[in-house]
Amino acid sequence: MIDSYEFGRIVIDGKTYDHDVIILSDKIKDNWWRKEGHKLYLADIEPIFRDAPQTVIIGTGASGMMKVEEEVRKGLSSKNIEIIIAETKKACETYNKVCKTRKTAAALHLTC
């Protein structure tokens, strides 16, 4: 569960992270970097595909600055994976609700 989120910082199961993260069913991939800082490409979320979630939640930052490229939507859809895209605060709230009933992964941009 995500305990809290504020600009540049997230607490997950009591542990604090100050870099973007990917949350998988069995681990947290911290220090997550993308090909381009404010664009999300399919290759950037490769670890999520190996986890085979039912739902992927993407946090686009505190102000929604990270843009999700169309290839991400198409790639997830082709695998019948539901995608939810929101500013990171809302994405965290949504993750905490959805993960109770579905296998869920999240890719969260913590700043902008």
PDB file of N, CA and C in Angstrom:
ATOM      1  N   MET A   1       0.833  -1.188   0.000  1.00  0.00           N
ATOM      2  CA  MET A   1       0.000   0.000   0.000  1.00  0.00           C
ATOM      3  C   MET A   1       0.878   1.253   0.000  1.00  0.00           C
ATOM      4  N   ILE A   2       0.351   2.271  -0.603  1.00  0.00           N
ATOM      5  CA  ILE A   2       1.035   3.562  -0.593  1.00  0.00           C
ATOM      6  C   ILE A   2       0.566   4.313   0.643  1.00  0.00           C
ATOM      7  N   ASP A   3       1.508   4.619   1.525  1.00  0.00           N
ATOM      8  CA  ASP A   3       1.177   5.308   2.774  1.00  0.00           C
ATOM      9  C   ASP A   3       0.973   6.797   2.555  1.00  0.00           C
ATOM     10  N   SER A   4       1.835   7.403   1.734  1.00  0.00           N
ATOM     11  CA  SER A   4       1.704   8.838   1.477  1.00  0.00           C
ATOM     12  C   SER A   4       2.511   9.222   0.241  1.00  0.00           C
ATOM     13  N   TYR A   5       2.111  10.359  -0.322  1.00  0.00           N
ATOM     14  CA  TYR A   5       2.834  10.927  -1.463  1.00  0.00           C
ATOM     15  C   TYR A   5       2.848  12.437  -1.309  1.00  0.00           C
ATOM     16  N   GLU A   6       3.997  13.022  -1.582  1.00  0.00           N
ATOM     17  CA  GLU A   6       4.122  14.471  -1.723  1.00  0.00           C
ATOM     18  C   GLU A   6       5.181  14.699  -2.793  1.00  0.00           C
ATOM     19  N   PHE A   7       5.227  15.881  -3.333  1.00  0.00           N
ATOM     20  CA  PHE A   7       6.152  16.196  -4.422  1.00  0.00           C
ATOM     21  C   PHE A   7       7.551  15.655  -4.122  1.00  0.00           C
ATOM     22  N   GLY A   8       8.028  14.742  -4.971  1.00  0.00           N
ATOM     23  CA  GLY A   8       9.386  14.222  -4.840  1.00  0.00           C
ATOM     24  C   GLY A   8       9.586  13.123  -3.824  1.00  0.00           C
ATOM     25  N   ARG A   9       8.505  12.670  -3.167  1.00  0.00           N
ATOM     26  CA  ARG A   9       8.667  11.663  -2.112  1.00  0.00           C
ATOM     27  C   ARG A   9       7.415  10.805  -2.007  1.00  0.00           C
ATOM     28  N   ILE A  10       7.632   9.503  -1.839  1.00  0.00           N
ATOM     29  CA  ILE A  10       6.523   8.577  -1.648  1.00  0.00           C
ATOM     30  C   ILE A  10       6.907   7.588  -0.557  1.00  0.00           C
ATOM     31  N   VAL A  11       5.938   7.179   0.243  1.00  0.00           N
ATOM     32  CA  VAL A  11       6.158   6.170   1.279  1.00  0.00           C
ATOM     33  C   VAL A  11       5.277   4.973   0.925  1.00  0.00           C
ATOM     34  N   ILE A  12       5.928   3.812   0.762  1.00  0.00           N
ATOM     35  CA  ILE A  12       5.234   2.579   0.397  1.00  0.00           C
ATOM     36  C   ILE A  12       5.559   1.533   1.449  1.00  0.00           C
ATOM     37  N   ASP A  13       4.534   1.008   2.090  1.00  0.00           N
ATOM     38  CA  ASP A  13       4.716   0.007   3.146  1.00  0.00           C
ATOM     39  C   ASP A  13       5.773   0.441   4.159  1.00  0.00           C
ATOM     40  N   GLY A  14       5.742   1.715   4.522  1.00  0.00           N
ATOM     41  CA  GLY A  14       6.627   2.248   5.545  1.00  0.00           C
ATOM     42  C   GLY A  14       8.008   2.659   5.071  1.00  0.00           C
ATOM     43  N   LYS A  15       8.341   2.398   3.825  1.00  0.00           N
ATOM     44  CA  LYS A  15       9.663   2.760   3.301  1.00  0.00           C
ATOM     45  C   LYS A  15       9.539   3.991   2.409  1.00  0.00           C
ATOM     46  N   THR A  16      10.463   4.947   2.593  1.00  0.00           N
ATOM     47  CA  THR A  16      10.443   6.201   1.840  1.00  0.00           C
ATOM     48  C   THR A  16      11.324   6.106   0.600  1.00  0.00           C
ATOM     49  N   TYR A  17      10.797   6.614  -0.507  1.00  0.00           N
ATOM     50  CA  TYR A  17      11.529   6.685  -1.776  1.00  0.00           C
ATOM     51  C   TYR A  17      11.507   8.128  -2.243  1.00  0.00           C
ATOM     52  N   ASP A  18      12.641   8.602  -2.771  1.00  0.00           N
ATOM     53  CA  ASP A  18      12.688   9.981  -3.267  1.00  0.00           C
ATOM     54  C   ASP A  18      13.049  10.038  -4.751  1.00  0.00           C
ATOM     55  N   HIS A  19      12.812   8.931  -5.438  1.00  0.00           N
ATOM     56  CA  HIS A  19      12.983   8.838  -6.892  1.00  0.00           C
ATOM     57  C   HIS A  19      11.751   8.148  -7.462  1.00  0.00           C
ATOM     58  N   ASP A  20      11.497   8.343  -8.728  1.00  0.00           N
ATOM     59  CA  ASP A  20      10.370   7.686  -9.385  1.00  0.00           C
ATOM     60  C   ASP A  20      10.439   6.180  -9.154  1.00  0.00           C
ATOM     61  N   VAL A  21       9.261   5.545  -9.083  1.00  0.00           N
ATOM     62  CA  VAL A  21       9.195   4.121  -8.756  1.00  0.00           C
ATOM     63  C   VAL A  21       8.234   3.383  -9.686  1.00  0.00           C
ATOM     64  N   ILE A  22       8.480   2.094  -9.806  1.00  0.00           N
ATOM     65  CA  ILE A  22       7.518   1.160 -10.377  1.00  0.00           C
ATOM     66  C   ILE A  22       7.156   0.196  -9.257  1.00  0.00           C
ATOM     67  N   ILE A  23       5.868   0.044  -9.017  1.00  0.00           N
ATOM     68  CA  ILE A  23       5.385  -0.892  -8.004  1.00  0.00           C
ATOM     69  C   ILE A  23       4.900  -2.144  -8.728  1.00  0.00           C
ATOM     70  N   LEU A  24       5.495  -3.276  -8.390  1.00  0.00           N
ATOM     71  CA  LEU A  24       5.095  -4.569  -8.938  1.00  0.00           C
ATOM     72  C   LEU A  24       4.465  -5.394  -7.823  1.00  0.00           C
ATOM     73  N   SER A  25       3.928  -6.545  -8.159  1.00  0.00           N
ATOM     74  CA  SER A  25       3.232  -7.342  -7.148  1.00  0.00           C
ATOM     75  C   SER A  25       4.151  -7.809  -6.027  1.00  0.00           C
ATOM     76  N   ASP A  26       5.428  -8.018  -6.325  1.00  0.00           N
ATOM     77  CA  ASP A  26       6.329  -8.570  -5.315  1.00  0.00           C
ATOM     78  C   ASP A  26       7.526  -7.687  -4.973  1.00  0.00           C
ATOM     79  N   LYS A  27       7.623  -6.510  -5.606  1.00  0.00           N
ATOM     80  CA  LYS A  27       8.771  -5.649  -5.299  1.00  0.00           C
ATOM     81  C   LYS A  27       8.529  -4.226  -5.790  1.00  0.00           C
ATOM     82  N   ILE A  28       9.393  -3.339  -5.327  1.00  0.00           N
ATOM     83  CA  ILE A  28       9.397  -1.945  -5.761  1.00  0.00           C
ATOM     84  C   ILE A  28      10.675  -1.730  -6.568  1.00  0.00           C
ATOM     85  N   LYS A  29      10.532  -1.239  -7.781  1.00  0.00           N
ATOM     86  CA  LYS A  29      11.708  -0.871  -8.578  1.00  0.00           C
ATOM     87  C   LYS A  29      11.909   0.624  -8.350  1.00  0.00           C
ATOM     88  N   ASP A  30      12.887   0.953  -7.495  1.00  0.00           N
ATOM     89  CA  ASP A  30      13.126   2.370  -7.200  1.00  0.00           C
ATOM     90  C   ASP A  30      14.196   2.919  -8.142  1.00  0.00           C
ATOM     91  N   ASN A  31      14.369   4.220  -8.094  1.00  0.00           N
ATOM     92  CA  ASN A  31      15.329   4.872  -8.992  1.00  0.00           C
ATOM     93  C   ASN A  31      14.992   4.603 -10.458  1.00  0.00           C
ATOM     94  N   TRP A  32      13.697   4.575 -10.756  1.00  0.00           N
ATOM     95  CA  TRP A  32      13.223   4.295 -12.114  1.00  0.00           C
ATOM     96  C   TRP A  32      13.535   5.465 -13.037  1.00  0.00           C
ATOM     97  N   TRP A  33      14.216   5.178 -14.133  1.00  0.00           N
ATOM     98  CA  TRP A  33      14.550   6.195 -15.134  1.00  0.00           C
ATOM     99  C   TRP A  33      13.883   5.841 -16.443  1.00  0.00           C
ATOM    100  N   ARG A  34      13.511   6.862 -17.183  1.00  0.00           N
ATOM    101  CA  ARG A  34      12.908   6.683 -18.495  1.00  0.00           C
ATOM    102  C   ARG A  34      13.852   7.181 -19.582  1.00  0.00           C
ATOM    103  N   LYS A  35      13.572   6.765 -20.806  1.00  0.00           N
ATOM    104  CA  LYS A  35      14.365   7.206 -21.957  1.00  0.00           C
ATOM    105  C   LYS A  35      14.392   8.732 -22.027  1.00  0.00           C
ATOM    106  N   GLU A  36      13.249   9.365 -21.794  1.00  0.00           N
ATOM    107  CA  GLU A  36      13.138  10.821 -21.716  1.00  0.00           C
ATOM    108  C   GLU A  36      12.387  11.145 -20.433  1.00  0.00           C
ATOM    109  N   GLY A  37      12.872  12.102 -19.685  1.00  0.00           N
ATOM    110  CA  GLY A  37      12.321  12.403 -18.372  1.00  0.00           C
ATOM    111  C   GLY A  37      10.828  12.646 -18.302  1.00  0.00           C
ATOM    112  N   HIS A  38      10.286  13.395 -19.255  1.00  0.00           N
ATOM    113  CA  HIS A  38       8.867  13.739 -19.173  1.00  0.00           C
ATOM    114  C   HIS A  38       8.023  13.098 -20.264  1.00  0.00           C
ATOM    115  N   LYS A  39       8.526  11.981 -20.806  1.00  0.00           N
ATOM    116  CA  LYS A  39       7.747  11.181 -21.750  1.00  0.00           C
ATOM    117  C   LYS A  39       7.855   9.727 -21.327  1.00  0.00           C
ATOM    118  N   LEU A  40       6.754   9.014 -21.449  1.00  0.00           N
ATOM    119  CA  LEU A  40       6.743   7.598 -21.092  1.00  0.00           C
ATOM    120  C   LEU A  40       6.555   6.768 -22.354  1.00  0.00           C
ATOM    121  N   TYR A  41       7.532   5.893 -22.609  1.00  0.00           N
ATOM    122  CA  TYR A  41       7.488   4.993 -23.754  1.00  0.00           C
ATOM    123  C   TYR A  41       7.277   3.564 -23.261  1.00  0.00           C
ATOM    124  N   LEU A  42       6.861   2.701 -24.154  1.00  0.00           N
ATOM    125  CA  LEU A  42       6.600   1.310 -23.806  1.00  0.00           C
ATOM    126  C   LEU A  42       7.826   0.641 -23.182  1.00  0.00           C
ATOM    127  N   ALA A  43       9.000   0.891 -23.727  1.00  0.00           N
ATOM    128  CA  ALA A  43      10.229   0.283 -23.196  1.00  0.00           C
ATOM    129  C   ALA A  43      10.490   0.691 -21.748  1.00  0.00           C
ATOM    130  N   ASP A  44       9.988   1.852 -21.344  1.00  0.00           N
ATOM    131  CA  ASP A  44      10.211   2.344 -19.979  1.00  0.00           C
ATOM    132  C   ASP A  44       9.492   1.508 -18.925  1.00  0.00           C
ATOM    133  N   ILE A  45       8.451   0.804 -19.339  1.00  0.00           N
ATOM    134  CA  ILE A  45       7.677   0.023 -18.363  1.00  0.00           C
ATOM    135  C   ILE A  45       7.814  -1.481 -18.601  1.00  0.00           C
ATOM    136  N   GLU A  46       8.893  -1.889 -19.234  1.00  0.00           N
ATOM    137  CA  GLU A  46       9.150  -3.307 -19.514  1.00  0.00           C
ATOM    138  C   GLU A  46       8.977  -4.206 -18.283  1.00  0.00           C
ATOM    139  N   PRO A  47       9.469  -3.828 -17.100  1.00  0.00           N
ATOM    140  CA  PRO A  47       9.292  -4.703 -15.930  1.00  0.00           C
ATOM    141  C   PRO A  47       7.822  -4.991 -15.615  1.00  0.00           C
ATOM    142  N   ILE A  48       6.952  -4.079 -15.971  1.00  0.00           N
ATOM    143  CA  ILE A  48       5.527  -4.269 -15.692  1.00  0.00           C
ATOM    144  C   ILE A  48       4.968  -5.428 -16.508  1.00  0.00           C
ATOM    145  N   PHE A  49       5.385  -5.574 -17.754  1.00  0.00           N
ATOM    146  CA  PHE A  49       4.870  -6.656 -18.593  1.00  0.00           C
ATOM    147  C   PHE A  49       5.230  -8.022 -18.028  1.00  0.00           C
ATOM    148  N   ARG A  50       6.423  -8.160 -17.476  1.00  0.00           N
ATOM    149  CA  ARG A  50       6.839  -9.437 -16.886  1.00  0.00           C
ATOM    150  C   ARG A  50       5.998  -9.780 -15.663  1.00  0.00           C
ATOM    151  N   ASP A  51       5.444  -8.766 -14.999  1.00  0.00           N
ATOM    152  CA  ASP A  51       4.629  -8.979 -13.801  1.00  0.00           C
ATOM    153  C   ASP A  51       3.196  -9.405 -14.147  1.00  0.00           C
ATOM    154  N   ALA A  52       2.768  -9.188 -15.378  1.00  0.00           N
ATOM    155  CA  ALA A  52       1.444  -9.572 -15.880  1.00  0.00           C
ATOM    156  C   ALA A  52       0.284  -9.069 -15.008  1.00  0.00           C
ATOM    157  N   PRO A  53       0.199  -7.755 -14.802  1.00  0.00           N
ATOM    158  CA  PRO A  53      -0.906  -7.220 -14.000  1.00  0.00           C
ATOM    159  C   PRO A  53      -2.207  -7.165 -14.801  1.00  0.00           C
ATOM    160  N   GLN A  54      -3.311  -7.011 -14.079  1.00  0.00           N
ATOM    161  CA  GLN A  54      -4.604  -6.772 -14.719  1.00  0.00           C
ATOM    162  C   GLN A  54      -4.786  -5.280 -14.993  1.00  0.00           C
ATOM    163  N   THR A  55      -4.209  -4.464 -14.119  1.00  0.00           N
ATOM    164  CA  THR A  55      -4.342  -3.010 -14.214  1.00  0.00           C
ATOM    165  C   THR A  55      -2.979  -2.363 -14.021  1.00  0.00           C
ATOM    166  N   VAL A  56      -2.716  -1.322 -14.803  1.00  0.00           N
ATOM    167  CA  VAL A  56      -1.514  -0.506 -14.632  1.00  0.00           C
ATOM    168  C   VAL A  56      -1.959   0.924 -14.386  1.00  0.00           C
ATOM    169  N   ILE A  57      -1.436   1.503 -13.322  1.00  0.00           N
ATOM    170  CA  ILE A  57      -1.738   2.889 -12.979  1.00  0.00           C
ATOM    171  C   ILE A  57      -0.482   3.709 -13.212  1.00  0.00           C
ATOM    172  N   ILE A  58      -0.629   4.768 -13.980  1.00  0.00           N
ATOM    173  CA  ILE A  58       0.506   5.634 -14.293  1.00  0.00           C
ATOM    174  C   ILE A  58       0.287   6.989 -13.649  1.00  0.00           C
ATOM    175  N   GLY A  59       1.238   7.381 -12.798  1.00  0.00           N
ATOM    176  CA  GLY A  59       1.218   8.700 -12.180  1.00  0.00           C
ATOM    177  C   GLY A  59       2.087   9.635 -12.991  1.00  0.00           C
ATOM    178  N   THR A  60       1.494  10.686 -13.517  1.00  0.00           N
ATOM    179  CA  THR A  60       2.186  11.578 -14.455  1.00  0.00           C
ATOM    180  C   THR A  60       2.894  12.752 -13.788  1.00  0.00           C
ATOM    181  N   GLY A  61       3.000  12.727 -12.461  1.00  0.00           N
ATOM    182  CA  GLY A  61       3.670  13.801 -11.737  1.00  0.00           C
ATOM    183  C   GLY A  61       2.684  14.667 -10.978  1.00  0.00           C
ATOM    184  N   ALA A  62       3.215  15.503 -10.103  1.00  0.00           N
ATOM    185  CA  ALA A  62       2.371  16.371  -9.278  1.00  0.00           C
ATOM    186  C   ALA A  62       1.514  17.304 -10.122  1.00  0.00           C
ATOM    187  N   SER A  63       2.053  17.746 -11.244  1.00  0.00           N
ATOM    188  CA  SER A  63       1.320  18.648 -12.144  1.00  0.00           C
ATOM    189  C   SER A  63       0.981  17.995 -13.478  1.00  0.00           C
ATOM    190  N   GLY A  64       1.206  16.695 -13.584  1.00  0.00           N
ATOM    191  CA  GLY A  64       0.872  15.977 -14.807  1.00  0.00           C
ATOM    192  C   GLY A  64       1.795  16.246 -15.978  1.00  0.00           C
ATOM    193  N   MET A  65       3.055  16.541 -15.706  1.00  0.00           N
ATOM    194  CA  MET A  65       3.997  16.918 -16.767  1.00  0.00           C
ATOM    195  C   MET A  65       4.500  15.744 -17.618  1.00  0.00           C
ATOM    196  N   MET A  66       4.473  14.527 -17.074  1.00  0.00           N
ATOM    197  CA  MET A  66       4.951  13.388 -17.850  1.00  0.00           C
ATOM    198  C   MET A  66       3.859  12.961 -18.837  1.00  0.00           C
ATOM    199  N   LYS A  67       4.195  12.944 -20.105  1.00  0.00           N
ATOM    200  CA  LYS A  67       3.244  12.576 -21.154  1.00  0.00           C
ATOM    201  C   LYS A  67       3.377  11.088 -21.473  1.00  0.00           C
ATOM    202  N   VAL A  68       2.244  10.431 -21.563  1.00  0.00           N
ATOM    203  CA  VAL A  68       2.216   9.005 -21.883  1.00  0.00           C
ATOM    204  C   VAL A  68       2.033   8.863 -23.396  1.00  0.00           C
ATOM    205  N   GLU A  69       3.025   8.288 -24.052  1.00  0.00           N
ATOM    206  CA  GLU A  69       2.977   8.120 -25.499  1.00  0.00           C
ATOM    207  C   GLU A  69       1.909   7.095 -25.880  1.00  0.00           C
ATOM    208  N   GLU A  70       1.343   7.258 -27.055  1.00  0.00           N
ATOM    209  CA  GLU A  70       0.262   6.386 -27.536  1.00  0.00           C
ATOM    210  C   GLU A  70       0.685   4.919 -27.568  1.00  0.00           C
ATOM    211  N   GLU A  71       1.966   4.649 -27.828  1.00  0.00           N
ATOM    212  CA  GLU A  71       2.435   3.263 -27.869  1.00  0.00           C
ATOM    213  C   GLU A  71       2.244   2.560 -26.531  1.00  0.00           C
ATOM    214  N   VAL A  72       2.271   3.299 -25.431  1.00  0.00           N
ATOM    215  CA  VAL A  72       2.050   2.710 -24.109  1.00  0.00           C
ATOM    216  C   VAL A  72       0.602   2.249 -23.996  1.00  0.00           C
ATOM    217  N   ARG A  73      -0.319   3.119 -24.365  1.00  0.00           N
ATOM    218  CA  ARG A  73      -1.745   2.765 -24.320  1.00  0.00           C
ATOM    219  C   ARG A  73      -2.026   1.541 -25.197  1.00  0.00           C
ATOM    220  N   LYS A  74      -1.502   1.561 -26.405  1.00  0.00           N
ATOM    221  CA  LYS A  74      -1.731   0.464 -27.345  1.00  0.00           C
ATOM    222  C   LYS A  74      -1.084  -0.835 -26.854  1.00  0.00           C
ATOM    223  N   GLY A  75       0.132  -0.731 -26.329  1.00  0.00           N
ATOM    224  CA  GLY A  75       0.839  -1.913 -25.845  1.00  0.00           C
ATOM    225  C   GLY A  75       0.130  -2.584 -24.686  1.00  0.00           C
ATOM    226  N   LEU A  76      -0.353  -1.788 -23.742  1.00  0.00           N
ATOM    227  CA  LEU A  76      -1.083  -2.349 -22.603  1.00  0.00           C
ATOM    228  C   LEU A  76      -2.425  -2.914 -23.057  1.00  0.00           C
ATOM    229  N   SER A  77      -3.104  -2.186 -23.897  1.00  0.00           N
ATOM    230  CA  SER A  77      -4.402  -2.628 -24.409  1.00  0.00           C
ATOM    231  C   SER A  77      -4.279  -3.948 -25.174  1.00  0.00           C
ATOM    232  N   SER A  78      -3.210  -4.104 -25.935  1.00  0.00           N
ATOM    233  CA  SER A  78      -3.014  -5.336 -26.711  1.00  0.00           C
ATOM    234  C   SER A  78      -2.835  -6.555 -25.813  1.00  0.00           C
ATOM    235  N   LYS A  79      -2.443  -6.332 -24.575  1.00  0.00           N
ATOM    236  CA  LYS A  79      -2.277  -7.414 -23.594  1.00  0.00           C
ATOM    237  C   LYS A  79      -3.495  -7.508 -22.668  1.00  0.00           C
ATOM    238  N   ASN A  80      -4.557  -6.785 -23.015  1.00  0.00           N
ATOM    239  CA  ASN A  80      -5.783  -6.741 -22.198  1.00  0.00           C
ATOM    240  C   ASN A  80      -5.515  -6.250 -20.781  1.00  0.00           C
ATOM    241  N   ILE A  81      -4.614  -5.295 -20.661  1.00  0.00           N
ATOM    242  CA  ILE A  81      -4.299  -4.689 -19.371  1.00  0.00           C
ATOM    243  C   ILE A  81      -4.985  -3.330 -19.311  1.00  0.00           C
ATOM    244  N   GLU A  82      -5.779  -3.134 -18.272  1.00  0.00           N
ATOM    245  CA  GLU A  82      -6.442  -1.843 -18.071  1.00  0.00           C
ATOM    246  C   GLU A  82      -5.383  -0.802 -17.718  1.00  0.00           C
ATOM    247  N   ILE A  83      -5.524   0.394 -18.246  1.00  0.00           N
ATOM    248  CA  ILE A  83      -4.582   1.475 -17.944  1.00  0.00           C
ATOM    249  C   ILE A  83      -5.348   2.651 -17.349  1.00  0.00           C
ATOM    250  N   ILE A  84      -4.817   3.165 -16.258  1.00  0.00           N
ATOM    251  CA  ILE A  84      -5.372   4.354 -15.610  1.00  0.00           C
ATOM    252  C   ILE A  84      -4.248   5.377 -15.539  1.00  0.00           C
ATOM    253  N   ILE A  85      -4.488   6.557 -16.078  1.00  0.00           N
ATOM    254  CA  ILE A  85      -3.480   7.621 -16.104  1.00  0.00           C
ATOM    255  C   ILE A  85      -4.026   8.804 -15.325  1.00  0.00           C
ATOM    256  N   ALA A  86      -3.227   9.300 -14.369  1.00  0.00           N
ATOM    257  CA  ALA A  86      -3.662  10.430 -13.550  1.00  0.00           C
ATOM    258  C   ALA A  86      -2.445  11.137 -12.974  1.00  0.00           C
ATOM    259  N   GLU A  87      -2.651  12.367 -12.502  1.00  0.00           N
ATOM    260  CA  GLU A  87      -1.588  13.021 -11.741  1.00  0.00           C
ATOM    261  C   GLU A  87      -1.256  12.119 -10.563  1.00  0.00           C
ATOM    262  N   THR A  88      -0.027  12.167 -10.094  1.00  0.00           N
ATOM    263  CA  THR A  88       0.468  11.160  -9.158  1.00  0.00           C
ATOM    264  C   THR A  88      -0.314  11.086  -7.848  1.00  0.00           C
ATOM    265  N   LYS A  89      -0.761  12.181  -7.302  1.00  0.00           N
ATOM    266  CA  LYS A  89      -1.549  12.107  -6.056  1.00  0.00           C
ATOM    267  C   LYS A  89      -2.795  11.256  -6.263  1.00  0.00           C
ATOM    268  N   LYS A  90      -3.521  11.520  -7.330  1.00  0.00           N
ATOM    269  CA  LYS A  90      -4.735  10.760  -7.644  1.00  0.00           C
ATOM    270  C   LYS A  90      -4.386   9.320  -8.004  1.00  0.00           C
ATOM    271  N   ALA A  91      -3.276   9.121  -8.713  1.00  0.00           N
ATOM    272  CA  ALA A  91      -2.839   7.772  -9.077  1.00  0.00           C
ATOM    273  C   ALA A  91      -2.561   6.934  -7.829  1.00  0.00           C
ATOM    274  N   CYS A  92      -1.959   7.535  -6.816  1.00  0.00           N
ATOM    275  CA  CYS A  92      -1.684   6.827  -5.559  1.00  0.00           C
ATOM    276  C   CYS A  92      -2.980   6.425  -4.862  1.00  0.00           C
ATOM    277  N   GLU A  93      -3.926   7.336  -4.805  1.00  0.00           N
ATOM    278  CA  GLU A  93      -5.226   7.039  -4.194  1.00  0.00           C
ATOM    279  C   GLU A  93      -5.918   5.907  -4.950  1.00  0.00           C
ATOM    280  N   THR A  94      -5.870   5.974  -6.262  1.00  0.00           N
ATOM    281  CA  THR A  94      -6.497   4.948  -7.098  1.00  0.00           C
ATOM    282  C   THR A  94      -5.808   3.605  -6.907  1.00  0.00           C
ATOM    283  N   TYR A  95      -4.482   3.607  -6.860  1.00  0.00           N
ATOM    284  CA  TYR A  95      -3.732   2.368  -6.650  1.00  0.00           C
ATOM    285  C   TYR A  95      -4.186   1.678  -5.364  1.00  0.00           C
ATOM    286  N   ASN A  96      -4.294   2.439  -4.289  1.00  0.00           N
ATOM    287  CA  ASN A  96      -4.676   1.846  -3.006  1.00  0.00           C
ATOM    288  C   ASN A  96      -6.062   1.212  -3.044  1.00  0.00           C
ATOM    289  N   LYS A  97      -6.945   1.716  -3.865  1.00  0.00           N
ATOM    290  CA  LYS A  97      -8.284   1.122  -4.005  1.00  0.00           C
ATOM    291  C   LYS A  97      -8.244  -0.103  -4.914  1.00  0.00           C
ATOM    292  N   VAL A  98      -7.642   0.049  -6.079  1.00  0.00           N
ATOM    293  CA  VAL A  98      -7.674  -1.002  -7.100  1.00  0.00           C
ATOM    294  C   VAL A  98      -6.873  -2.233  -6.681  1.00  0.00           C
ATOM    295  N   CYS A  99      -5.747  -2.043  -5.995  1.00  0.00           N
ATOM    296  CA  CYS A  99      -4.875  -3.176  -5.664  1.00  0.00           C
ATOM    297  C   CYS A  99      -5.527  -4.161  -4.696  1.00  0.00           C
ATOM    298  N   LYS A 100      -6.622  -3.761  -4.083  1.00  0.00           N
ATOM    299  CA  LYS A 100      -7.324  -4.661  -3.158  1.00  0.00           C
ATOM    300  C   LYS A 100      -8.089  -5.754  -3.895  1.00  0.00           C
ATOM    301  N   THR A 101      -8.445  -5.503  -5.146  1.00  0.00           N
ATOM    302  CA  THR A 101      -9.288  -6.455  -5.869  1.00  0.00           C
ATOM    303  C   THR A 101      -8.688  -6.952  -7.185  1.00  0.00           C
ATOM    304  N   ARG A 102      -7.618  -6.331  -7.650  1.00  0.00           N
ATOM    305  CA  ARG A 102      -7.013  -6.709  -8.930  1.00  0.00           C
ATOM    306  C   ARG A 102      -5.489  -6.722  -8.801  1.00  0.00           C
ATOM    307  N   LYS A 103      -4.844  -7.572  -9.579  1.00  0.00           N
ATOM    308  CA  LYS A 103      -3.379  -7.551  -9.635  1.00  0.00           C
ATOM    309  C   LYS A 103      -2.988  -6.256 -10.341  1.00  0.00           C
ATOM    310  N   THR A 104      -2.306  -5.385  -9.611  1.00  0.00           N
ATOM    311  CA  THR A 104      -2.072  -4.018 -10.070  1.00  0.00           C
ATOM    312  C   THR A 104      -0.590  -3.671 -10.010  1.00  0.00           C
ATOM    313  N   ALA A 105      -0.135  -2.959 -11.027  1.00  0.00           N
ATOM    314  CA  ALA A 105       1.212  -2.386 -11.047  1.00  0.00           C
ATOM    315  C   ALA A 105       1.056  -0.881 -11.201  1.00  0.00           C
ATOM    316  N   ALA A 106       2.086  -0.150 -10.799  1.00  0.00           N
ATOM    317  CA  ALA A 106       2.047   1.309 -10.939  1.00  0.00           C
ATOM    318  C   ALA A 106       3.416   1.817 -11.358  1.00  0.00           C
ATOM    319  N   ALA A 107       3.400   2.850 -12.187  1.00  0.00           N
ATOM    320  CA  ALA A 107       4.609   3.568 -12.589  1.00  0.00           C
ATOM    321  C   ALA A 107       4.371   5.016 -12.198  1.00  0.00           C
ATOM    322  N   LEU A 108       5.135   5.508 -11.229  1.00  0.00           N
ATOM    323  CA  LEU A 108       4.837   6.801 -10.619  1.00  0.00           C
ATOM    324  C   LEU A 108       5.991   7.794 -10.751  1.00  0.00           C
ATOM    325  N   HIS A 109       5.698   8.893 -11.434  1.00  0.00           N
ATOM    326  CA  HIS A 109       6.633  10.020 -11.555  1.00  0.00           C
ATOM    327  C   HIS A 109       6.371  10.929 -10.354  1.00  0.00           C
ATOM    328  N   LEU A 110       7.380  11.175  -9.542  1.00  0.00           N
ATOM    329  CA  LEU A 110       7.163  11.837  -8.251  1.00  0.00           C
ATOM    330  C   LEU A 110       7.282  13.350  -8.266  1.00  0.00           C
ATOM    331  N   THR A 111       7.894  13.923  -9.290  1.00  0.00           N
ATOM    332  CA  THR A 111       8.050  15.382  -9.290  1.00  0.00           C
ATOM    333  C   THR A 111       7.077  16.006 -10.287  1.00  0.00           C
ATOM    334  N   CYS A 112       7.505  16.997 -11.009  1.00  0.00           N
ATOM    335  CA  CYS A 112       6.692  17.795 -11.932  1.00  0.00           C
ATOM    336  C   CYS A 112       5.377  17.157 -12.282  1.00  0.00           C
TER     337      CYS A 112
END
